Amino acid sequence: MTQYDDIIFIIGIVIILSLYYGLTKTDISKILLIVLPVLSLYFTFSNNSYLDKRIHTMISLLNNERLSYLNDNTKSAYYKEIQREISASFLNEPHTSFSMMVEIDRMLSETEMLTSRIINYSMHSYSNPFIFCSVNFGVNFYDFVKKNFFVIFFPVVLSFIIYKYKIVYQLYWVLIIFVGLLAIIGCYYRFLYLQGHTEAGKEILGIWPAPEPRISFASFAYKNHWSAYVILVMSVLLYLLHNILCSYDFIVFRSKRSSLIFAILIVLIFSILYSSSNSGLIFIFLFLILSTLLIMKKTKLFIIVISLSVACALLIITNTTLIERLKSLISGDSFRFFLWKDLYTQIQLKTFWGYGINSYKTINGIYQSTEITNARLINLQGAHQQYIPLTVHAHSDFLQTISEIGFTGTCIFIFPLFFALARIFFISSSSRNKFLTLALSIVIFYSIVDFPFRNIAVSALFVFLLSINLLSQNRRKAYKM
């Protein structure tokens, strides 16, 4: 996407500026309350870094020296070549370069890794231990602004503008129609892939190739990200269906709009099944079951949702792969469980402030357990060539966030989100808003066992729906006063 993100960034700014006059001074001040803390956090992290070119050079020299003493000349030559490539790519891919050096150190170290000592030394020598720190390998401020623009600024400002012009319903309809079409196209691409009729690099719809086609769906590089996105969209579907029932209860099954919503619901659930997203089925089922508790008085909507819930339950029960994975997770014999165990150890050693934003890929290799190492060796045995496997994410956004911003950052930025959603859910008298709140809460729980927020589309839609929900709640409070 890097070749297109500048264009999308500029288009987004143009859209916001063109609608800027619709915002009041109060709206702008509220937006600034979001923008300024994010920028302040960035400057705090970037000005308190503990890894730089000096540390990279130190580890690189130590690795090269120890590689010279290997008995296996083939392996020694291979890793020396990798080390040269790492040094050459450090300026462009610093985090990946450092992670690969950690893996080389692991291969060379039989007892304690030298990298661990060097990082601990640099962390205590080069950074202030009383504020947030970061690995900060040449973080580009422009890239930081672009990412946060897509994930936070644009969704928040767009929610203010849309709420101001009272076109929330219209936008919701546009959203569900496009996502429904995306699900259909995704199923088509998935069918072609399973039949072996796709070209390499063109297994998914989008502006980037699928890194692993077997776990990709539609324009999403990971099927579980698609599932999290669908949960948020389904809350919008139920929001609209509930609104139709409130207005035209007696003709709901003859309404073209309700028929379209029902059709899209079926397509979205089928897309999760067809994508083979096991966790997606579980969380969709959880969302539908909890949604039925909100609509007990709406008989027709209750029948629709409970029917979909029963269908999901049957799919889960008959899914042998899912059952086996759940058994392995409960018994503690799961790859994800070992990742979380390693991360728990990592958190224990720097609980209060954390290791810094986006530090997981750089730091986690030091804390890698024997189980994860053995699992990687099995993958290497089946590979066509030697390569260095990296742990890019922890399969848990929640634990990874605690690792990166510590207990302090979690209390400041994450826990208030839980409290805000709980407050909206229990105070709001509107069942329509509760659908959105429930979906937002489900995705947060999803993030405990997976990493949905690492996907920009999921994060942006989450922030947008959260902003709409908060604006709606504030409007009701002002109206009552």
Protein backbone atom coordinates (compact mmCIF):
# COMPACT_ATOMS: atom_id res chain seq x y z
CA MET A 1 0.00 0.00 0.00
CA THR A 2 3.01 2.30 0.45
CA GLN A 3 2.83 3.42 -3.18
CA TYR A 4 -0.77 4.60 -2.72
CA ASP A 5 -0.95 5.82 0.88
CA ASP A 6 0.33 9.32 -0.01
CA ILE A 7 -2.48 9.74 -2.56
CA ILE A 8 -5.11 8.44 -0.12
CA PHE A 9 -3.67 10.71 2.59
CA ILE A 10 -3.98 13.79 0.37
CA ILE A 11 -7.51 12.85 -0.74
CA GLY A 12 -8.52 12.44 2.92
CA ILE A 13 -7.17 15.88 3.81
CA VAL A 14 -9.00 17.43 0.84
CA ILE A 15 -12.28 15.81 1.95
CA ILE A 16 -11.93 17.11 5.49
CA LEU A 17 -10.90 20.62 4.41
CA SER A 18 -13.77 20.82 1.94
CA LEU A 19 -16.23 20.11 4.78
CA TYR A 20 -14.30 22.07 7.40
CA TYR A 21 -16.78 24.98 7.53
CA GLY A 22 -19.42 22.60 8.89
CA LEU A 23 -17.56 22.22 12.17
CA THR A 24 -18.16 24.54 15.09
CA LYS A 25 -15.49 25.88 17.43
CA THR A 26 -16.67 23.39 20.05
CA ASP A 27 -16.20 20.51 17.60
CA ILE A 28 -12.69 21.68 16.70
CA SER A 29 -11.71 21.99 20.36
CA LYS A 30 -12.91 18.41 21.01
CA ILE A 31 -10.89 17.16 18.05
CA LEU A 32 -7.81 18.98 19.33
CA LEU A 33 -8.24 17.21 22.67
CA ILE A 34 -7.66 13.98 20.74
CA VAL A 35 -4.95 15.19 18.37
CA LEU A 36 -2.71 16.94 20.90
CA PRO A 37 -2.30 13.99 23.33
CA VAL A 38 -1.42 11.68 20.41
CA LEU A 39 1.25 14.09 19.16
CA SER A 40 2.54 14.63 22.70
CA LEU A 41 2.82 10.89 23.20
CA TYR A 42 4.77 10.58 19.95
CA PHE A 43 7.29 13.26 20.93
CA THR A 44 7.71 11.68 24.37
CA PHE A 45 8.43 8.27 22.85
CA SER A 46 10.71 9.54 20.09
CA ASN A 47 12.80 11.72 22.41
CA ASN A 48 13.38 8.93 24.91
CA SER A 49 14.75 6.11 22.76
CA TYR A 50 17.20 3.43 23.84
CA LEU A 51 18.22 1.70 20.59
CA ASP A 52 20.06 3.37 17.73
CA LYS A 53 22.76 2.83 15.11
CA ARG A 54 25.45 2.39 17.78
CA ILE A 55 23.68 -0.57 19.39
CA HIS A 56 22.96 -2.05 15.96
CA THR A 57 26.65 -1.85 15.03
CA MET A 58 27.72 -3.37 18.35
CA ILE A 59 25.48 -6.44 17.96
CA SER A 60 26.39 -6.76 14.29
CA LEU A 61 30.13 -6.87 15.04
CA LEU A 62 29.64 -9.42 17.83
CA ASN A 63 27.53 -11.66 15.58
CA ASN A 64 30.09 -11.52 12.75
CA GLU A 65 32.93 -12.38 15.11
CA ARG A 66 31.12 -15.39 16.57
CA LEU A 67 30.03 -16.59 13.12
CA SER A 68 33.70 -17.00 12.26
CA TYR A 69 34.00 -19.74 14.89
CA LEU A 70 31.15 -21.91 13.57
CA ASN A 71 32.12 -25.44 12.52
CA ASP A 72 29.48 -25.50 9.79
CA ASN A 73 30.98 -23.46 6.95
CA THR A 74 27.75 -23.49 4.93
CA LYS A 75 25.70 -22.13 7.82
CA SER A 76 28.43 -19.62 8.68
CA ALA A 77 28.54 -18.30 5.10
CA TYR A 78 24.74 -18.09 4.95
CA TYR A 79 24.38 -16.10 8.16
CA LYS A 80 27.29 -13.82 7.29
CA GLU A 81 25.54 -12.97 4.03
CA ILE A 82 22.30 -12.34 5.95
CA GLN A 83 24.21 -10.12 8.39
CA ARG A 84 25.58 -8.06 5.48
CA GLU A 85 22.06 -7.66 4.06
CA ILE A 86 20.79 -6.65 7.51
CA SER A 87 23.42 -3.93 7.81
CA ALA A 88 22.62 -2.65 4.31
CA SER A 89 18.86 -2.47 4.99
CA PHE A 90 19.07 -1.02 8.49
CA LEU A 91 18.16 2.55 7.47
CA ASN A 92 15.02 1.45 5.58
CA GLU A 93 13.90 -1.48 7.78
CA PRO A 94 15.51 -0.93 11.20
CA HIS A 95 13.01 -2.95 13.27
CA THR A 96 13.17 -5.98 10.98
CA SER A 97 16.96 -5.75 10.78
CA PHE A 98 17.32 -5.76 14.54
CA SER A 99 14.85 -8.64 14.91
CA MET A 100 16.86 -10.74 12.47
CA MET A 101 20.08 -10.01 14.38
CA VAL A 102 18.37 -11.22 17.56
CA GLU A 103 17.51 -14.49 15.78
CA ILE A 104 21.14 -14.92 14.64
CA ASP A 105 22.23 -14.33 18.23
CA ARG A 106 19.77 -17.02 19.35
CA MET A 107 21.29 -19.50 16.95
CA LEU A 108 24.78 -18.67 18.24
CA SER A 109 23.96 -18.55 21.98
CA GLU A 110 23.63 -21.75 23.96
CA THR A 111 23.01 -20.07 27.31
CA GLU A 112 22.22 -16.36 27.76
CA MET A 113 21.85 -14.20 24.65
CA LEU A 114 24.29 -11.30 24.33
CA THR A 115 21.51 -9.18 22.81
CA SER A 116 19.59 -9.33 26.07
CA ARG A 117 22.49 -7.84 28.02
CA ILE A 118 23.11 -5.14 25.42
CA ILE A 119 19.44 -4.07 25.32
CA ASN A 120 19.19 -3.95 29.11
CA TYR A 121 22.35 -1.86 29.21
CA SER A 122 21.14 0.58 26.53
CA MET A 123 17.66 0.80 28.09
CA HIS A 124 19.08 1.91 31.44
CA SER A 125 21.89 4.05 30.01
CA TYR A 126 20.25 5.90 27.09
CA SER A 127 16.65 6.46 28.24
CA ASN A 128 14.87 8.12 31.13
CA PRO A 129 13.35 5.29 33.24
CA PHE A 130 10.57 7.54 34.61
CA ILE A 131 8.74 8.30 31.34
CA PHE A 132 7.64 6.38 28.24
CA CYS A 133 10.50 5.19 26.04
CA SER A 134 10.80 3.58 22.61
CA VAL A 135 13.15 1.62 20.38
CA ASN A 136 12.74 4.50 17.89
CA PHE A 137 14.87 3.29 15.00
CA GLY A 138 14.64 6.43 12.88
CA VAL A 139 10.86 6.79 13.17
CA ASN A 140 9.60 9.10 10.44
CA PHE A 141 7.22 11.78 11.74
CA TYR A 142 5.44 11.98 8.37
CA ASP A 143 4.74 8.22 8.44
CA PHE A 144 3.49 8.55 12.02
CA VAL A 145 1.10 11.36 11.02
CA LYS A 146 -0.20 9.37 8.02
CA LYS A 147 -0.88 6.26 10.07
CA ASN A 148 -2.68 8.18 12.82
CA PHE A 149 -4.57 10.19 10.22
CA PHE A 150 -6.04 6.99 8.75
CA VAL A 151 -6.69 5.32 12.12
CA ILE A 152 -7.71 8.23 14.39
CA PHE A 153 -7.91 11.75 12.90
CA PHE A 154 -9.91 11.04 9.74
CA PRO A 155 -12.53 8.74 11.40
CA VAL A 156 -13.02 11.18 14.29
CA VAL A 157 -13.32 14.30 12.10
CA LEU A 158 -15.55 12.42 9.64
CA SER A 159 -17.86 11.37 12.48
CA PHE A 160 -18.22 15.01 13.60
CA ILE A 161 -18.98 16.15 10.04
CA ILE A 162 -21.45 13.37 9.31
CA TYR A 163 -23.23 13.86 12.61
CA LYS A 164 -23.34 17.59 11.96
CA TYR A 165 -25.00 17.15 8.56
CA LYS A 166 -27.30 14.38 9.90
CA ILE A 167 -26.34 11.85 7.24
CA VAL A 168 -25.42 8.98 9.57
CA TYR A 169 -28.13 6.67 8.17
CA GLN A 170 -27.12 7.39 4.57
CA LEU A 171 -23.49 6.62 5.30
CA TYR A 172 -24.45 3.41 7.09
CA TRP A 173 -26.35 2.25 4.01
CA VAL A 174 -23.38 3.02 1.78
CA LEU A 175 -21.13 1.10 4.18
CA ILE A 176 -23.24 -2.10 4.34
CA ILE A 177 -23.81 -2.19 0.57
CA PHE A 178 -20.10 -1.86 -0.24
CA VAL A 179 -19.10 -4.38 2.44
CA GLY A 180 -21.75 -6.79 1.14
CA LEU A 181 -20.30 -6.48 -2.37
CA LEU A 182 -16.78 -6.93 -0.95
CA ALA A 183 -17.91 -10.14 0.79
CA ILE A 184 -19.34 -11.51 -2.48
CA ILE A 185 -16.17 -10.64 -4.39
CA GLY A 186 -14.08 -12.12 -1.57
CA CYS A 187 -16.00 -15.40 -1.77
CA TYR A 188 -15.43 -15.45 -5.54
CA TYR A 189 -11.68 -14.88 -5.15
CA ARG A 190 -11.56 -17.51 -2.40
CA PHE A 191 -13.31 -19.99 -4.68
CA LEU A 192 -10.81 -19.30 -7.47
CA TYR A 193 -7.90 -19.77 -5.06
CA LEU A 194 -9.24 -23.06 -3.67
CA GLN A 195 -9.74 -24.31 -7.23
CA GLY A 196 -6.20 -23.28 -8.16
CA HIS A 197 -7.31 -20.76 -10.80
CA THR A 198 -5.54 -17.65 -9.47
CA GLU A 199 -2.21 -16.17 -10.48
CA ALA A 200 0.57 -15.81 -7.92
CA GLY A 201 0.23 -12.51 -6.04
CA LYS A 202 -3.36 -11.97 -7.21
CA GLU A 203 -5.23 -14.16 -4.75
CA ILE A 204 -7.05 -11.26 -3.09
CA LEU A 205 -8.75 -8.08 -4.21
CA GLY A 206 -6.76 -4.97 -3.44
CA ILE A 207 -3.70 -2.89 -4.13
CA TRP A 208 -1.25 -5.31 -2.50
CA PRO A 209 -0.50 -9.03 -3.00
CA ALA A 210 -1.53 -11.65 -0.45
CA PRO A 211 1.53 -12.58 1.67
CA GLU A 212 -0.18 -15.85 2.66
CA PRO A 213 -3.12 -16.60 0.32
CA ARG A 214 -4.40 -19.46 2.50
CA ILE A 215 -5.34 -17.03 5.31
CA SER A 216 -6.39 -14.04 3.17
CA PHE A 217 -9.91 -12.95 2.28
CA ALA A 218 -11.32 -10.24 -0.01
CA SER A 219 -8.99 -7.23 0.37
CA PHE A 220 -7.86 -8.36 3.86
CA ALA A 221 -4.50 -10.07 4.19
CA TYR A 222 -5.76 -11.98 7.26
CA LYS A 223 -9.15 -13.68 7.54
CA ASN A 224 -9.58 -12.89 11.27
CA HIS A 225 -9.22 -9.18 10.49
CA TRP A 226 -12.08 -9.61 8.04
CA SER A 227 -14.13 -11.28 10.80
CA ALA A 228 -13.55 -8.39 13.22
CA TYR A 229 -14.54 -5.93 10.49
CA VAL A 230 -17.72 -7.93 9.79
CA ILE A 231 -18.73 -7.82 13.48
CA LEU A 232 -18.59 -4.02 13.39
CA VAL A 233 -20.55 -3.90 10.12
CA MET A 234 -23.16 -6.34 11.45
CA SER A 235 -23.85 -3.96 14.34
CA VAL A 236 -24.65 -1.30 11.73
CA LEU A 237 -26.94 -3.77 9.93
CA LEU A 238 -28.88 -4.50 13.13
CA TYR A 239 -28.94 -0.77 13.89
CA LEU A 240 -30.65 -0.12 10.54
CA LEU A 241 -32.95 -3.14 10.82
CA HIS A 242 -34.04 -2.04 14.29
CA ASN A 243 -34.79 1.42 12.91
CA ILE A 244 -36.95 -0.10 10.15
CA LEU A 245 -38.85 -2.18 12.70
CA CYS A 246 -39.54 0.89 14.83
CA SER A 247 -40.94 2.74 11.80
CA TYR A 248 -42.64 -0.01 9.74
CA ASP A 249 -43.15 -2.97 12.05
CA PHE A 250 -46.15 -4.31 10.17
CA ILE A 251 -44.45 -4.57 6.76
CA VAL A 252 -40.91 -5.54 7.79
CA PHE A 253 -40.79 -8.73 5.69
CA ARG A 254 -42.25 -6.93 2.70
CA SER A 255 -39.80 -4.05 2.92
CA LYS A 256 -37.08 -4.03 0.26
CA ARG A 257 -34.63 -2.43 2.67
CA SER A 258 -35.13 -5.08 5.36
CA SER A 259 -34.81 -7.82 2.73
CA LEU A 260 -31.53 -6.30 1.56
CA ILE A 261 -30.23 -6.13 5.14
CA PHE A 262 -31.20 -9.75 5.77
CA ALA A 263 -29.47 -10.84 2.54
CA ILE A 264 -26.28 -8.98 3.46
CA LEU A 265 -26.34 -10.57 6.93
CA ILE A 266 -26.43 -14.04 5.37
CA VAL A 267 -23.64 -13.16 2.93
CA LEU A 268 -21.40 -11.81 5.71
CA ILE A 269 -21.85 -14.88 7.92
CA PHE A 270 -21.20 -17.16 4.94
CA SER A 271 -18.06 -15.17 4.08
CA ILE A 272 -16.63 -15.82 7.56
CA LEU A 273 -17.39 -19.53 7.21
CA TYR A 274 -15.90 -19.66 3.70
CA SER A 275 -12.78 -17.80 4.81
CA SER A 276 -12.20 -20.56 7.43
CA SER A 277 -11.98 -18.03 10.25
CA ASN A 278 -12.64 -20.19 13.32
CA SER A 279 -12.36 -17.40 15.87
CA GLY A 280 -14.53 -15.26 13.60
CA LEU A 281 -17.37 -17.80 13.84
CA ILE A 282 -17.11 -17.86 17.63
CA PHE A 283 -17.22 -14.09 18.04
CA ILE A 284 -19.99 -13.62 15.46
CA PHE A 285 -22.01 -16.23 17.37
CA LEU A 286 -21.28 -14.38 20.63
CA PHE A 287 -22.35 -11.07 19.09
CA LEU A 288 -25.62 -12.52 17.73
CA ILE A 289 -26.50 -14.28 20.99
CA LEU A 290 -25.93 -11.13 23.06
CA SER A 291 -27.85 -9.08 20.47
CA THR A 292 -30.92 -11.24 21.01
CA LEU A 293 -30.98 -10.11 24.64
CA LEU A 294 -31.36 -6.52 23.43
CA ILE A 295 -34.32 -7.21 21.15
CA MET A 296 -36.53 -9.56 23.13
CA LYS A 297 -39.47 -7.17 22.67
CA LYS A 298 -38.98 -6.96 18.91
CA THR A 299 -40.41 -10.38 17.95
CA LYS A 300 -39.57 -10.35 14.25
CA LEU A 301 -36.04 -9.09 14.70
CA PHE A 302 -35.62 -11.62 17.52
CA ILE A 303 -36.59 -14.47 15.19
CA ILE A 304 -34.08 -13.32 12.55
CA VAL A 305 -31.17 -12.94 14.95
CA ILE A 306 -31.83 -16.14 16.92
CA SER A 307 -32.06 -18.09 13.65
CA LEU A 308 -28.66 -16.77 12.59
CA SER A 309 -27.29 -17.58 16.06
CA VAL A 310 -28.49 -21.19 15.84
CA ALA A 311 -26.92 -21.50 12.37
CA CYS A 312 -23.59 -20.20 13.71
CA ALA A 313 -23.78 -22.57 16.69
CA LEU A 314 -24.30 -25.56 14.37
CA LEU A 315 -21.35 -24.48 12.23
CA ILE A 316 -19.14 -24.23 15.33
CA ILE A 317 -20.23 -27.64 16.67
CA THR A 318 -19.61 -29.39 13.33
CA ASN A 319 -16.26 -27.66 12.73
CA THR A 320 -13.76 -30.34 13.81
CA THR A 321 -10.75 -28.08 13.18
CA LEU A 322 -12.15 -25.44 15.50
CA ILE A 323 -12.91 -28.00 18.22
CA GLU A 324 -9.37 -29.38 18.04
CA ARG A 325 -7.88 -25.89 18.31
CA LEU A 326 -10.05 -25.08 21.32
CA LYS A 327 -8.96 -28.32 23.00
CA SER A 328 -5.27 -27.55 22.38
CA LEU A 329 -5.72 -24.00 23.73
CA ILE A 330 -7.49 -25.21 26.88
CA SER A 331 -4.85 -27.89 27.46
CA GLY A 332 -2.06 -25.33 27.02
CA ASP A 333 -0.62 -27.05 23.94
CA SER A 334 -1.21 -24.20 21.49
CA PHE A 335 1.20 -22.00 19.55
CA ARG A 336 -0.75 -18.91 20.63
CA PHE A 337 -0.62 -19.99 24.26
CA PHE A 338 3.17 -20.21 24.07
CA LEU A 339 3.31 -16.75 22.45
CA TRP A 340 1.22 -15.32 25.30
CA LYS A 341 3.38 -17.11 27.86
CA ASP A 342 6.52 -15.51 26.36
CA LEU A 343 4.81 -12.13 26.32
CA TYR A 344 3.76 -12.51 29.95
CA THR A 345 7.42 -13.04 30.87
CA GLN A 346 8.34 -10.00 28.80
CA ILE A 347 5.74 -7.84 30.57
CA GLN A 348 6.91 -8.93 34.02
CA LEU A 349 10.39 -7.52 33.43
CA LYS A 350 9.20 -4.02 32.43
CA THR A 351 5.66 -3.71 33.69
CA PHE A 352 5.29 -0.05 34.56
CA TRP A 353 6.35 1.86 31.40
CA GLY A 354 6.69 -0.90 28.80
CA TYR A 355 9.22 -1.21 26.00
CA GLY A 356 7.79 1.44 23.68
CA ILE A 357 5.28 1.57 20.81
CA ASN A 358 5.95 -0.98 18.03
CA SER A 359 8.70 -2.58 20.11
CA TYR A 360 7.29 -6.12 20.15
CA LYS A 361 8.87 -7.30 16.90
CA THR A 362 12.21 -5.88 17.97
CA ILE A 363 12.26 -7.06 21.58
CA ASN A 364 10.26 -10.31 21.75
CA GLY A 365 12.97 -12.53 20.22
CA ILE A 366 14.98 -12.18 23.42
CA TYR A 367 12.17 -13.78 25.46
CA GLN A 368 11.32 -16.56 23.02
CA SER A 369 10.60 -19.90 24.70
CA THR A 370 11.84 -23.33 23.67
CA GLU A 371 8.34 -24.27 22.44
CA ILE A 372 8.23 -21.37 19.97
CA THR A 373 11.81 -22.05 18.84
CA ASN A 374 10.99 -25.74 18.22
CA ALA A 375 7.84 -24.81 16.29
CA ARG A 376 9.93 -22.53 14.08
CA LEU A 377 12.48 -25.30 13.49
CA ILE A 378 9.67 -27.57 12.27
CA ASN A 379 8.67 -24.89 9.75
CA LEU A 380 12.29 -24.55 8.64
CA GLN A 381 12.53 -28.29 8.00
CA GLY A 382 9.69 -28.11 5.50
CA ALA A 383 10.98 -24.95 3.81
CA HIS A 384 12.53 -24.97 0.32
CA GLN A 385 15.38 -22.74 1.48
CA GLN A 386 16.89 -21.36 4.69
CA TYR A 387 15.26 -18.26 6.12
CA ILE A 388 15.00 -16.44 9.44
CA PRO A 389 11.44 -16.58 10.85
CA LEU A 390 10.32 -13.52 12.82
CA THR A 391 7.55 -13.08 15.41
CA VAL A 392 5.83 -9.95 14.10
CA HIS A 393 2.83 -9.95 16.45
CA ALA A 394 1.72 -11.70 19.63
CA HIS A 395 -1.77 -12.81 18.48
CA SER A 396 -3.05 -10.58 21.29
CA ASP A 397 -3.40 -6.84 20.82
CA PHE A 398 -4.24 -6.46 24.49
CA LEU A 399 -1.11 -8.17 25.85
CA GLN A 400 1.07 -6.60 23.16
CA THR A 401 -0.24 -3.14 24.10
CA ILE A 402 0.57 -3.73 27.77
CA SER A 403 4.05 -4.82 26.73
CA GLU A 404 4.59 -1.70 24.61
CA ILE A 405 3.05 1.06 26.77
CA GLY A 406 3.11 -0.68 30.14
CA PHE A 407 0.58 -0.68 32.95
CA THR A 408 0.71 3.13 33.11
CA GLY A 409 -0.17 3.61 29.44
CA THR A 410 -2.90 0.97 29.68
CA CYS A 411 -4.52 2.81 32.59
CA ILE A 412 -4.33 6.14 30.74
CA PHE A 413 -5.39 5.08 27.22
CA ILE A 414 -7.04 1.62 27.29
CA PHE A 415 -9.05 1.27 30.50
CA PRO A 416 -10.99 4.55 29.90
CA LEU A 417 -12.21 2.99 26.66
CA PHE A 418 -13.73 0.06 28.58
CA PHE A 419 -15.39 2.45 31.02
CA ALA A 420 -16.77 4.64 28.20
CA LEU A 421 -18.32 1.64 26.43
CA ALA A 422 -19.78 0.29 29.68
CA ARG A 423 -21.24 3.71 30.45
CA ILE A 424 -22.85 4.01 26.99
CA PHE A 425 -24.25 0.49 27.18
CA PHE A 426 -25.87 0.81 30.61
CA ILE A 427 -26.98 4.45 30.38
CA SER A 428 -28.20 4.61 26.77
CA SER A 429 -31.91 3.93 26.41
CA SER A 430 -31.61 3.24 22.68
CA SER A 431 -31.23 -0.40 21.64
CA ARG A 432 -29.81 0.77 18.31
CA ASN A 433 -26.84 2.39 20.04
CA LYS A 434 -26.39 -0.71 22.16
CA PHE A 435 -25.83 -2.81 19.03
CA LEU A 436 -22.87 -0.60 18.14
CA THR A 437 -21.58 -0.61 21.72
CA LEU A 438 -21.87 -4.39 21.90
CA ALA A 439 -19.91 -4.83 18.65
CA LEU A 440 -17.19 -2.45 19.86
CA SER A 441 -16.93 -4.42 23.11
CA ILE A 442 -16.81 -7.77 21.25
CA VAL A 443 -13.94 -6.53 19.06
CA ILE A 444 -12.06 -5.42 22.17
CA PHE A 445 -12.44 -8.92 23.62
CA TYR A 446 -11.44 -10.28 20.21
CA SER A 447 -8.20 -8.32 20.58
CA ILE A 448 -7.31 -10.36 23.68
CA VAL A 449 -6.90 -13.54 21.61
CA ASP A 450 -5.97 -12.00 18.24
CA PHE A 451 -4.69 -8.78 16.69
CA PRO A 452 -7.62 -7.05 14.87
CA PHE A 453 -6.39 -3.54 15.67
CA ARG A 454 -3.20 -4.13 13.64
CA ASN A 455 -5.45 -3.75 10.60
CA ILE A 456 -6.09 -0.13 9.58
CA ALA A 457 -9.61 -0.79 8.24
CA VAL A 458 -10.74 -2.42 11.51
CA SER A 459 -9.14 0.29 13.67
CA ALA A 460 -10.57 3.14 11.58
CA LEU A 461 -14.12 1.71 11.57
CA PHE A 462 -13.85 1.03 15.31
CA VAL A 463 -12.85 4.65 16.02
CA PHE A 464 -15.58 5.96 13.68
CA LEU A 465 -18.40 3.94 15.30
CA LEU A 466 -17.11 4.79 18.77
CA SER A 467 -17.12 8.51 17.89
CA ILE A 468 -20.65 8.32 16.46
CA ASN A 469 -21.82 6.52 19.59
CA LEU A 470 -20.27 9.09 21.90
CA LEU A 471 -21.69 11.99 19.88
CA SER A 472 -25.14 10.40 19.96
CA GLN A 473 -24.93 9.92 23.71
CA ASN A 474 -23.81 13.52 24.30
CA ARG A 475 -26.65 14.81 22.16
CA ARG A 476 -29.23 12.92 24.25
CA LYS A 477 -27.73 14.31 27.45
CA ALA A 478 -27.86 17.86 26.09
CA TYR A 479 -31.47 17.32 24.95
CA LYS A 480 -32.54 16.10 28.42
CA MET A 481 -30.87 19.09 30.09
